[in-house]
Every structure is written in C-alpha cells, then in structure tokens.
Amino acid sequence: MDLEKFVRQCFVASVVVCATFFSATARSEVPDTVIDGLEWRLIGPYRGGRVTTVTGVAGKPNLYYMGATGGGVWKTENAGTTWENLSDGDFEVGTIGAVAVAPSDHNVLYVGTGESPIRGVTTSHGNGVYKSTDAGKTWTHIGLDNAGQISRIEVHPGNPDVAFVAVQGKIWAASEERGVFRTTDGGKNWQHVLQVNNDTGAADLSMDPTNPRILYAAMWHHGREPWFIKSGGEGGGIYKSTDGGDNWEKLGGGLPDLVGK
C-alpha cells in the first residue's frame, strides 16, 4: 500500500471516530433548559382534516405514517419535513381509522378505513382494510367491506400475516360486523373472534408485545341519531383473551357495570 493511500484511510477513520464521539457527547450533554425551551409546531401535512392515527417504525426515528379523516394515508421519512400521500388513487375512501406496521417486516402495512370518533354528522365511513407489502407503494383491499369504522389494528410481533382488527361498526345502524376480527393468512380470510351484540363494537385493542396470545379489547355499545349519540350499554367493557383470540372473558374486578367508550 502506498503512503498516500494509507494516510488518506487513516484520516477518514479518524474523522468517523471523532464524529461519532462528539455526536454522542453532544446528545448526552444537552441541558434540560434547551429541551424545555422547545415548543410544539405544525409540521403538516396540510390536507386531510382531523388526524385520526399516527404510528412510527421501531428503529427508524424519522419514519412515520399518519391517517386523517378525509385525506387518506401519509408518510414521512424525515420527521415531518416533507410528507407523501400513499392512498390517493388506490383507496376508494379518504377516511382512515387505523394504521399498523408489522413489527417483523416493516414493508407490511395494514390500514383500517373509517374514522372511529363519531363526533357529528360529518363523520365518514370506510370500506374495510387495505394492505401493502412494499411500505405503501402499492395497496390491496383485503376485506371487511362492511366494517364502517375501524378503530385499531394489531399485528403479531413475529408473523406479519397474523393481524387483529377492532371494528367499531357502522354509525347509523346496528350491524353484525362489529367486534374483533382476526386473520392468520395476511387478510385472505377473516374470523370474527369477538362479537358481543350488534350494537357493541370494538373501540380499542391492545396486544401484549412480549406474549401475543394475550389481547385486550375495549368494547363500546354505541349508536348515532341525527339528534344524539348513544354511548354505553349492555355488552360494553374490557375483554381479555389469553389464547390468541380464540376465547374472550369480560373483566370486572371494580370496573363499572355500565361503561362508555
């Protein structure tokens, strides 16, 4: 190896080491007063209406997906400096209730349409679940057409083909397609694993990240009329499964008998 090449490689290596050291030191020595002085600011996107869901990606602090009540699904890879719409032209509706990234394969995304807050007569209904296997470049509609509003999607931490969807249901009428649905083949087939009654939908859903056989579902008895919102009733409450959704138990232990959302 000639001397000039050797010196050049040593210089590059020293720059990398120094940059890494001072970067780590700078991060660790930022005083709290600097952090406390930061303020929230709007970073967009500027089309879409109310934001209904936001999700990040583990290990990628600048990558986020968000869904809006009328603007579809958006993606940023630079912490919000710029946003790209992923759903225009591919989705039949613009209202989004849930976005989930598969923990074991970040290219796999599930999107549930239909915003879950039924705040007024302007609430839009969805048309089921969409899936992408290329980080949002292309999409496929995979079912649950009559779900109406979808509040949450949970994906198995080790298998991107296993997902649970919390279906809140249509706003203006009772329906059988309320509750928790499960797919074990990436959305080709769905099982209705938790159904309380036609007036009670799933308002939220959580999976234990260390034991995906344990799930909790928040069930909400609700309905909407032009002049009022019905919230709370028989069937509402917290339900738990310890076998991956095959069986569910309603939890008590101090919770009210009648609960809302």
C-alpha atoms as a PDB file:
ATOM      1  CA  MET A   1       0.000   0.000   0.000  1.00  0.00           C
ATOM      2  CA  ASP A   2       1.462   3.408  -0.948  1.00  0.00           C
ATOM      3  CA  LEU A   3       1.956   6.055   1.712  1.00  0.00           C
ATOM      4  CA  GLU A   4      -0.601   8.497   0.282  1.00  0.00           C
ATOM      5  CA  LYS A   5      -3.400   5.906   0.292  1.00  0.00           C
ATOM      6  CA  PHE A   6      -2.530   4.809   3.829  1.00  0.00           C
ATOM      7  CA  VAL A   7      -2.591   8.383   5.152  1.00  0.00           C
ATOM      8  CA  ARG A   8      -5.924   9.039   3.440  1.00  0.00           C
ATOM      9  CA  GLN A   9      -7.538   5.948   5.015  1.00  0.00           C
ATOM     10  CA  CYS A  10      -6.210   6.882   8.451  1.00  0.00           C
ATOM     11  CA  PHE A  11      -7.637  10.374   8.076  1.00  0.00           C
ATOM     12  CA  VAL A  12     -11.096   9.094   7.098  1.00  0.00           C
ATOM     13  CA  ALA A  13     -11.118   6.647  10.011  1.00  0.00           C
ATOM     14  CA  SER A  14     -10.166   9.367  12.481  1.00  0.00           C
ATOM     15  CA  VAL A  15     -12.922  11.652  11.200  1.00  0.00           C
ATOM     16  CA  VAL A  16     -15.540   8.913  11.622  1.00  0.00           C
ATOM     17  CA  VAL A  17     -14.386   8.108  15.166  1.00  0.00           C
ATOM     18  CA  CYS A  18     -14.322  11.769  16.208  1.00  0.00           C
ATOM     19  CA  ALA A  19     -17.713  12.494  14.670  1.00  0.00           C
ATOM     20  CA  THR A  20     -19.284   9.537  16.453  1.00  0.00           C
ATOM     21  CA  PHE A  21     -17.722  10.519  19.788  1.00  0.00           C
ATOM     22  CA  PHE A  22     -18.672  14.180  19.671  1.00  0.00           C
ATOM     23  CA  SER A  23     -22.169  13.390  18.380  1.00  0.00           C
ATOM     24  CA  ALA A  24     -22.811  11.036  21.302  1.00  0.00           C
ATOM     25  CA  THR A  25     -21.274  13.532  23.722  1.00  0.00           C
ATOM     26  CA  ALA A  26     -23.387  16.366  22.364  1.00  0.00           C
ATOM     27  CA  ARG A  27     -26.575  14.356  22.718  1.00  0.00           C
ATOM     28  CA  SER A  28     -25.775  13.387  26.300  1.00  0.00           C
ATOM     29  CA  GLU A  29     -24.782  16.928  27.336  1.00  0.00           C
ATOM     30  CA  VAL A  30     -27.800  18.833  26.009  1.00  0.00           C
ATOM     31  CA  PRO A  31     -29.091  20.672  29.083  1.00  0.00           C
ATOM     32  CA  ASP A  32     -32.698  20.307  30.144  1.00  0.00           C
ATOM     33  CA  THR A  33     -33.191  24.046  29.716  1.00  0.00           C
ATOM     34  CA  VAL A  34     -32.678  23.666  25.966  1.00  0.00           C
ATOM     35  CA  ILE A  35     -35.186  20.830  25.711  1.00  0.00           C
ATOM     36  CA  ASP A  36     -37.674  22.698  27.906  1.00  0.00           C
ATOM     37  CA  GLY A  37     -37.477  25.663  25.566  1.00  0.00           C
ATOM     38  CA  LEU A  38     -38.727  23.708  22.576  1.00  0.00           C
ATOM     39  CA  GLU A  39     -42.329  24.284  21.525  1.00  0.00           C
ATOM     40  CA  TRP A  40     -44.789  22.231  19.522  1.00  0.00           C
ATOM     41  CA  ARG A  41     -45.149  23.320  15.918  1.00  0.00           C
ATOM     42  CA  LEU A  42     -47.267  22.255  12.972  1.00  0.00           C
ATOM     43  CA  ILE A  43     -45.326  20.066  10.539  1.00  0.00           C
ATOM     44  CA  GLY A  44     -48.140  19.072   8.178  1.00  0.00           C
ATOM     45  CA  PRO A  45     -49.425  17.609   6.038  1.00  0.00           C
ATOM     46  CA  TYR A  46     -51.776  20.441   5.209  1.00  0.00           C
ATOM     47  CA  ARG A  47     -54.558  18.442   3.553  1.00  0.00           C
ATOM     48  CA  GLY A  48     -56.778  15.883   5.154  1.00  0.00           C
ATOM     49  CA  GLY A  49     -58.666  17.319   8.095  1.00  0.00           C
ATOM     50  CA  ARG A  50     -58.546  15.811  11.568  1.00  0.00           C
ATOM     51  CA  VAL A  51     -55.641  13.457  12.288  1.00  0.00           C
ATOM     52  CA  THR A  52     -57.043  10.136  13.460  1.00  0.00           C
ATOM     53  CA  THR A  53     -53.998   7.871  13.759  1.00  0.00           C
ATOM     54  CA  VAL A  54     -50.194   8.080  13.798  1.00  0.00           C
ATOM     55  CA  THR A  55     -47.661   5.255  14.002  1.00  0.00           C
ATOM     56  CA  GLY A  56     -43.885   5.107  13.990  1.00  0.00           C
ATOM     57  CA  VAL A  57     -41.483   2.352  12.997  1.00  0.00           C
ATOM     58  CA  ALA A  58     -39.138   0.751  15.520  1.00  0.00           C
ATOM     59  CA  GLY A  59     -35.507   1.632  14.872  1.00  0.00           C
ATOM     60  CA  LYS A  60     -36.383   4.383  12.382  1.00  0.00           C
ATOM     61  CA  PRO A  61     -37.000   7.567  14.399  1.00  0.00           C
ATOM     62  CA  ASN A  62     -37.699   9.742  11.351  1.00  0.00           C
ATOM     63  CA  LEU A  63     -40.232   7.415   9.688  1.00  0.00           C
ATOM     64  CA  TYR A  64     -43.928   7.873  10.452  1.00  0.00           C
ATOM     65  CA  TYR A  65     -47.300   7.081   8.927  1.00  0.00           C
ATOM     66  CA  MET A  66     -50.465   9.021   9.677  1.00  0.00           C
ATOM     67  CA  GLY A  67     -54.107   8.818   8.716  1.00  0.00           C
ATOM     68  CA  ALA A  68     -56.693  11.566   8.523  1.00  0.00           C
ATOM     69  CA  THR A  69     -60.439  11.867   8.492  1.00  0.00           C
ATOM     70  CA  GLY A  70     -60.537  12.817   4.829  1.00  0.00           C
ATOM     71  CA  GLY A  71     -57.003  12.943   3.459  1.00  0.00           C
ATOM     72  CA  GLY A  72     -56.032   9.287   3.410  1.00  0.00           C
ATOM     73  CA  VAL A  73     -52.666   7.841   4.452  1.00  0.00           C
ATOM     74  CA  TRP A  74     -49.454   9.882   4.572  1.00  0.00           C
ATOM     75  CA  LYS A  75     -45.782   9.001   5.071  1.00  0.00           C
ATOM     76  CA  THR A  76     -42.741  10.979   6.155  1.00  0.00           C
ATOM     77  CA  GLU A  77     -39.168   9.709   6.151  1.00  0.00           C
ATOM     78  CA  ASN A  78     -37.606  12.900   7.511  1.00  0.00           C
ATOM     79  CA  ALA A  79     -39.556  13.509  10.719  1.00  0.00           C
ATOM     80  CA  GLY A  80     -42.215  15.621   9.052  1.00  0.00           C
ATOM     81  CA  THR A  81     -40.114  17.923   6.890  1.00  0.00           C
ATOM     82  CA  THR A  82     -41.944  16.527   3.863  1.00  0.00           C
ATOM     83  CA  TRP A  83     -44.962  14.231   3.505  1.00  0.00           C
ATOM     84  CA  GLU A  84     -46.055  11.862   0.749  1.00  0.00           C
ATOM     85  CA  ASN A  85     -49.643  10.757   0.232  1.00  0.00           C
ATOM     86  CA  LEU A  86     -49.819   6.976  -0.210  1.00  0.00           C
ATOM     87  CA  SER A  87     -53.515   6.352  -0.750  1.00  0.00           C
ATOM     88  CA  ASP A  88     -54.635   8.734  -3.497  1.00  0.00           C
ATOM     89  CA  GLY A  89     -55.765   6.704  -6.487  1.00  0.00           C
ATOM     90  CA  ASP A  90     -55.610   3.384  -4.614  1.00  0.00           C
ATOM     91  CA  PHE A  91     -58.219   3.768  -1.859  1.00  0.00           C
ATOM     92  CA  GLU A  92     -61.914   4.168  -2.583  1.00  0.00           C
ATOM     93  CA  VAL A  93     -62.330   6.313   0.537  1.00  0.00           C
ATOM     94  CA  GLY A  94     -60.249   9.001   2.207  1.00  0.00           C
ATOM     95  CA  THR A  95     -61.235   8.426   5.834  1.00  0.00           C
ATOM     96  CA  ILE A  96     -58.744   6.460   7.952  1.00  0.00           C
ATOM     97  CA  GLY A  97     -59.212   4.913  11.392  1.00  0.00           C
ATOM     98  CA  ALA A  98     -56.054   2.863  11.954  1.00  0.00           C
ATOM     99  CA  VAL A  99     -52.577   2.293  10.524  1.00  0.00           C
ATOM    100  CA  ALA A 100     -50.304  -0.543  11.673  1.00  0.00           C
ATOM    101  CA  VAL A 101     -46.785  -1.599  10.684  1.00  0.00           C
ATOM    102  CA  ALA A 102     -45.811  -5.250  11.076  1.00  0.00           C
ATOM    103  CA  PRO A 103     -43.032  -5.371  13.706  1.00  0.00           C
ATOM    104  CA  SER A 104     -41.261  -8.267  11.979  1.00  0.00           C
ATOM    105  CA  ASP A 105     -41.457  -6.812   8.449  1.00  0.00           C
ATOM    106  CA  HIS A 106     -41.643  -3.037   8.134  1.00  0.00           C
ATOM    107  CA  ASN A 107     -42.703  -3.308   4.498  1.00  0.00           C
ATOM    108  CA  VAL A 108     -46.050  -4.759   5.578  1.00  0.00           C
ATOM    109  CA  LEU A 109     -48.709  -2.190   6.440  1.00  0.00           C
ATOM    110  CA  TYR A 110     -52.362  -2.624   7.369  1.00  0.00           C
ATOM    111  CA  VAL A 111     -54.797   0.288   7.128  1.00  0.00           C
ATOM    112  CA  GLY A 112     -58.324   0.311   8.517  1.00  0.00           C
ATOM    113  CA  THR A 113     -60.660   2.835   6.926  1.00  0.00           C
ATOM    114  CA  GLY A 114     -63.415   4.800   8.642  1.00  0.00           C
ATOM    115  CA  GLU A 115     -62.543   7.250  11.414  1.00  0.00           C
ATOM    116  CA  SER A 116     -63.601   5.963  14.825  1.00  0.00           C
ATOM    117  CA  PRO A 117     -64.683   9.199  16.596  1.00  0.00           C
ATOM    118  CA  ILE A 118     -68.373   9.650  15.797  1.00  0.00           C
ATOM    119  CA  ARG A 119     -68.250  13.332  16.672  1.00  0.00           C
ATOM    120  CA  GLY A 120     -71.033  14.541  14.426  1.00  0.00           C
ATOM    121  CA  VAL A 121     -72.929  14.169  11.193  1.00  0.00           C
ATOM    122  CA  THR A 122     -69.711  14.865   9.266  1.00  0.00           C
ATOM    123  CA  THR A 123     -68.152  11.541  10.279  1.00  0.00           C
ATOM    124  CA  SER A 124     -67.190   9.491   7.213  1.00  0.00           C
ATOM    125  CA  HIS A 125     -67.498   5.719   6.910  1.00  0.00           C
ATOM    126  CA  GLY A 126     -64.855   3.409   5.491  1.00  0.00           C
ATOM    127  CA  ASN A 127     -64.875   0.351   3.273  1.00  0.00           C
ATOM    128  CA  GLY A 128     -62.669  -2.117   5.108  1.00  0.00           C
ATOM    129  CA  VAL A 129     -58.961  -2.917   5.290  1.00  0.00           C
ATOM    130  CA  TYR A 130     -56.112  -2.249   2.875  1.00  0.00           C
ATOM    131  CA  LYS A 131     -52.683  -3.886   2.915  1.00  0.00           C
ATOM    132  CA  SER A 132     -49.284  -3.024   1.462  1.00  0.00           C
ATOM    133  CA  THR A 133     -46.242  -5.288   1.271  1.00  0.00           C
ATOM    134  CA  ASP A 134     -43.871  -2.640  -0.116  1.00  0.00           C
ATOM    135  CA  ALA A 135     -44.042   0.098   2.533  1.00  0.00           C
ATOM    136  CA  GLY A 136     -47.002   1.849   0.944  1.00  0.00           C
ATOM    137  CA  LYS A 137     -46.043   1.936  -2.734  1.00  0.00           C
ATOM    138  CA  THR A 138     -48.937  -0.322  -3.748  1.00  0.00           C
ATOM    139  CA  TRP A 139     -52.094  -1.460  -1.969  1.00  0.00           C
ATOM    140  CA  THR A 140     -54.614  -4.295  -1.983  1.00  0.00           C
ATOM    141  CA  HIS A 141     -58.104  -4.215  -0.487  1.00  0.00           C
ATOM    142  CA  ILE A 142     -58.326  -7.309   1.732  1.00  0.00           C
ATOM    143  CA  GLY A 143     -61.859  -7.314   3.086  1.00  0.00           C
ATOM    144  CA  LEU A 144     -64.179  -6.304   5.937  1.00  0.00           C
ATOM    145  CA  ASP A 145     -66.077  -4.143   3.452  1.00  0.00           C
ATOM    146  CA  ASN A 146     -68.982  -3.512   5.829  1.00  0.00           C
ATOM    147  CA  ALA A 147     -66.924  -2.617   8.888  1.00  0.00           C
ATOM    148  CA  GLY A 148     -67.898   1.047   8.752  1.00  0.00           C
ATOM    149  CA  GLN A 149     -65.471   2.444  11.322  1.00  0.00           C
ATOM    150  CA  ILE A 150     -62.193   0.739  12.302  1.00  0.00           C
ATOM    151  CA  SER A 151     -60.503   1.921  15.481  1.00  0.00           C
ATOM    152  CA  ARG A 152     -57.325  -0.157  15.827  1.00  0.00           C
ATOM    153  CA  ILE A 153     -55.180  -2.826  14.144  1.00  0.00           C
ATOM    154  CA  GLU A 154     -52.649  -5.004  15.966  1.00  0.00           C
ATOM    155  CA  VAL A 155     -50.100  -7.149  14.090  1.00  0.00           C
ATOM    156  CA  HIS A 156     -48.362 -10.185  15.573  1.00  0.00           C
ATOM    157  CA  PRO A 157     -44.766  -9.265  16.533  1.00  0.00           C
ATOM    158  CA  GLY A 158     -43.301 -12.329  14.830  1.00  0.00           C
ATOM    159  CA  ASN A 159     -45.689 -13.039  11.948  1.00  0.00           C
ATOM    160  CA  PRO A 160     -46.856 -10.268   9.576  1.00  0.00           C
ATOM    161  CA  ASP A 161     -49.698 -12.466   8.297  1.00  0.00           C
ATOM    162  CA  VAL A 162     -51.424 -12.531  11.699  1.00  0.00           C
ATOM    163  CA  ALA A 163     -53.399  -9.390  12.466  1.00  0.00           C
ATOM    164  CA  PHE A 164     -56.365  -8.340  14.596  1.00  0.00           C
ATOM    165  CA  VAL A 165     -58.784  -5.583  13.618  1.00  0.00           C
ATOM    166  CA  ALA A 166     -61.011  -3.705  16.056  1.00  0.00           C
ATOM    167  CA  VAL A 167     -64.210  -2.931  14.174  1.00  0.00           C
ATOM    168  CA  GLN A 168     -66.301  -0.250  15.811  1.00  0.00           C
ATOM    169  CA  GLY A 169     -69.054  -0.663  13.240  1.00  0.00           C
ATOM    170  CA  LYS A 170     -71.341   1.495  11.192  1.00  0.00           C
ATOM    171  CA  ILE A 171     -72.533   4.705  12.771  1.00  0.00           C
ATOM    172  CA  TRP A 172     -76.202   4.941  11.942  1.00  0.00           C
ATOM    173  CA  ALA A 173     -77.388   1.358  12.401  1.00  0.00           C
ATOM    174  CA  ALA A 174     -76.645  -1.817  14.311  1.00  0.00           C
ATOM    175  CA  SER A 175     -74.701  -4.429  12.371  1.00  0.00           C
ATOM    176  CA  GLU A 176     -73.323  -7.930  12.739  1.00  0.00           C
ATOM    177  CA  GLU A 177     -69.876  -6.814  11.607  1.00  0.00           C
ATOM    178  CA  ARG A 178     -68.905  -5.285  14.944  1.00  0.00           C
ATOM    179  CA  GLY A 179     -66.205  -6.593  17.259  1.00  0.00           C
ATOM    180  CA  VAL A 180     -62.730  -8.059  16.764  1.00  0.00           C
ATOM    181  CA  PHE A 181     -61.650  -9.847  13.597  1.00  0.00           C
ATOM    182  CA  ARG A 182     -58.545 -11.968  13.073  1.00  0.00           C
ATOM    183  CA  THR A 183     -56.607 -13.057  10.004  1.00  0.00           C
ATOM    184  CA  THR A 184     -53.847 -15.663  10.024  1.00  0.00           C
ATOM    185  CA  ASP A 185     -53.087 -15.561   6.297  1.00  0.00           C
ATOM    186  CA  GLY A 186     -52.436 -11.901   5.609  1.00  0.00           C
ATOM    187  CA  GLY A 187     -56.048 -10.931   5.003  1.00  0.00           C
ATOM    188  CA  LYS A 188     -57.187 -13.681   2.645  1.00  0.00           C
ATOM    189  CA  ASN A 189     -59.633 -14.908   5.272  1.00  0.00           C
ATOM    190  CA  TRP A 190     -61.102 -13.369   8.425  1.00  0.00           C
ATOM    191  CA  GLN A 191     -62.577 -14.854  11.599  1.00  0.00           C
ATOM    192  CA  HIS A 192     -64.989 -12.916  13.800  1.00  0.00           C
ATOM    193  CA  VAL A 193     -63.330 -13.861  17.092  1.00  0.00           C
ATOM    194  CA  LEU A 194     -65.147 -11.439  19.434  1.00  0.00           C
ATOM    195  CA  GLN A 195     -68.773 -10.488  18.902  1.00  0.00           C
ATOM    196  CA  VAL A 196     -70.873  -9.222  21.802  1.00  0.00           C
ATOM    197  CA  ASN A 197     -74.013  -7.994  20.056  1.00  0.00           C
ATOM    198  CA  ASN A 198     -74.994  -5.938  17.020  1.00  0.00           C
ATOM    199  CA  ASP A 199     -74.886  -2.675  18.997  1.00  0.00           C
ATOM    200  CA  THR A 200     -71.433  -3.164  20.529  1.00  0.00           C
ATOM    201  CA  GLY A 201     -68.234  -2.533  18.604  1.00  0.00           C
ATOM    202  CA  ALA A 202     -64.534  -2.605  19.405  1.00  0.00           C
ATOM    203  CA  ALA A 203     -63.327   0.891  20.295  1.00  0.00           C
ATOM    204  CA  ASP A 204     -59.745  -0.143  21.037  1.00  0.00           C
ATOM    205  CA  LEU A 205     -57.456  -3.161  21.018  1.00  0.00           C
ATOM    206  CA  SER A 206     -54.072  -3.959  22.547  1.00  0.00           C
ATOM    207  CA  MET A 207     -51.704  -6.916  22.183  1.00  0.00           C
ATOM    208  CA  ASP A 208     -49.020  -7.844  24.710  1.00  0.00           C
ATOM    209  CA  PRO A 209     -45.761  -7.335  22.741  1.00  0.00           C
ATOM    210  CA  THR A 210     -43.982  -9.996  24.792  1.00  0.00           C
ATOM    211  CA  ASN A 211     -46.819 -12.530  24.577  1.00  0.00           C
ATOM    212  CA  PRO A 212     -49.063 -12.045  21.526  1.00  0.00           C
ATOM    213  CA  ARG A 213     -51.525 -14.620  22.823  1.00  0.00           C
ATOM    214  CA  ILE A 214     -52.701 -12.009  25.336  1.00  0.00           C
ATOM    215  CA  LEU A 215     -55.042  -9.350  23.970  1.00  0.00           C
ATOM    216  CA  TYR A 216     -57.343  -6.747  25.491  1.00  0.00           C
ATOM    217  CA  ALA A 217     -60.349  -5.293  23.681  1.00  0.00           C
ATOM    218  CA  ALA A 218     -62.385  -2.269  24.738  1.00  0.00           C
ATOM    219  CA  MET A 219     -65.976  -2.835  23.630  1.00  0.00           C
ATOM    220  CA  TRP A 220     -68.378   0.080  23.219  1.00  0.00           C
ATOM    221  CA  HIS A 221     -72.166  -0.075  22.998  1.00  0.00           C
ATOM    222  CA  HIS A 222     -72.995   2.912  20.813  1.00  0.00           C
ATOM    223  CA  GLY A 223     -75.257   4.362  18.172  1.00  0.00           C
ATOM    224  CA  ARG A 224     -75.903   7.612  16.341  1.00  0.00           C
ATOM    225  CA  GLU A 225     -79.062   9.508  15.536  1.00  0.00           C
ATOM    226  CA  PRO A 226     -79.317  12.961  13.968  1.00  0.00           C
ATOM    227  CA  TRP A 227     -80.143  14.486  17.340  1.00  0.00           C
ATOM    228  CA  PHE A 228     -77.961  12.482  19.776  1.00  0.00           C
ATOM    229  CA  ILE A 229     -75.167   9.953  20.328  1.00  0.00           C
ATOM    230  CA  LYS A 230     -75.923   6.833  22.340  1.00  0.00           C
ATOM    231  CA  SER A 231     -72.872   5.861  24.386  1.00  0.00           C
ATOM    232  CA  GLY A 232     -72.804   2.999  26.854  1.00  0.00           C
ATOM    233  CA  GLY A 233     -74.945  -0.037  27.337  1.00  0.00           C
ATOM    234  CA  GLU A 234     -75.082  -3.755  27.878  1.00  0.00           C
ATOM    235  CA  GLY A 235     -72.038  -5.512  26.460  1.00  0.00           C
ATOM    236  CA  GLY A 236     -69.612  -2.641  26.819  1.00  0.00           C
ATOM    237  CA  GLY A 237     -66.440  -3.158  28.835  1.00  0.00           C
ATOM    238  CA  ILE A 238     -62.944  -4.648  28.745  1.00  0.00           C
ATOM    239  CA  TYR A 239     -62.484  -8.146  27.339  1.00  0.00           C
ATOM    240  CA  LYS A 240     -59.343 -10.286  27.563  1.00  0.00           C
ATOM    241  CA  SER A 241     -58.030 -13.248  25.598  1.00  0.00           C
ATOM    242  CA  THR A 242     -55.110 -15.431  26.665  1.00  0.00           C
ATOM    243  CA  ASP A 243     -55.140 -17.819  23.700  1.00  0.00           C
ATOM    244  CA  GLY A 244     -54.595 -15.575  20.704  1.00  0.00           C
ATOM    245  CA  GLY A 245     -58.207 -14.538  20.327  1.00  0.00           C
ATOM    246  CA  ASP A 246     -59.908 -17.925  20.371  1.00  0.00           C
ATOM    247  CA  ASN A 247     -61.728 -17.184  23.631  1.00  0.00           C
ATOM    248  CA  TRP A 248     -62.536 -13.966  25.485  1.00  0.00           C
ATOM    249  CA  GLU A 249     -63.527 -13.099  29.049  1.00  0.00           C
ATOM    250  CA  LYS A 250     -65.221  -9.906  30.171  1.00  0.00           C
ATOM    251  CA  LEU A 251     -63.269  -8.324  33.021  1.00  0.00           C
ATOM    252  CA  GLY A 252     -64.849  -6.911  36.159  1.00  0.00           C
ATOM    253  CA  GLY A 253     -62.973  -6.501  39.389  1.00  0.00           C
ATOM    254  CA  GLY A 254     -64.091  -2.989  40.199  1.00  0.00           C
ATOM    255  CA  LEU A 255     -64.989  -1.668  36.759  1.00  0.00           C
ATOM    256  CA  PRO A 256     -68.432  -0.029  36.432  1.00  0.00           C
ATOM    257  CA  ASP A 257     -71.250  -2.220  35.190  1.00  0.00           C
ATOM    258  CA  LEU A 258     -72.163   0.387  32.591  1.00  0.00           C
ATOM    259  CA  VAL A 259     -69.286   1.944  30.652  1.00  0.00           C
ATOM    260  CA  GLY A 260     -68.989   4.263  27.686  1.00  0.00           C
ATOM    261  CA  LYS A 261     -66.154   4.455  25.222  1.00  0.00           C
END
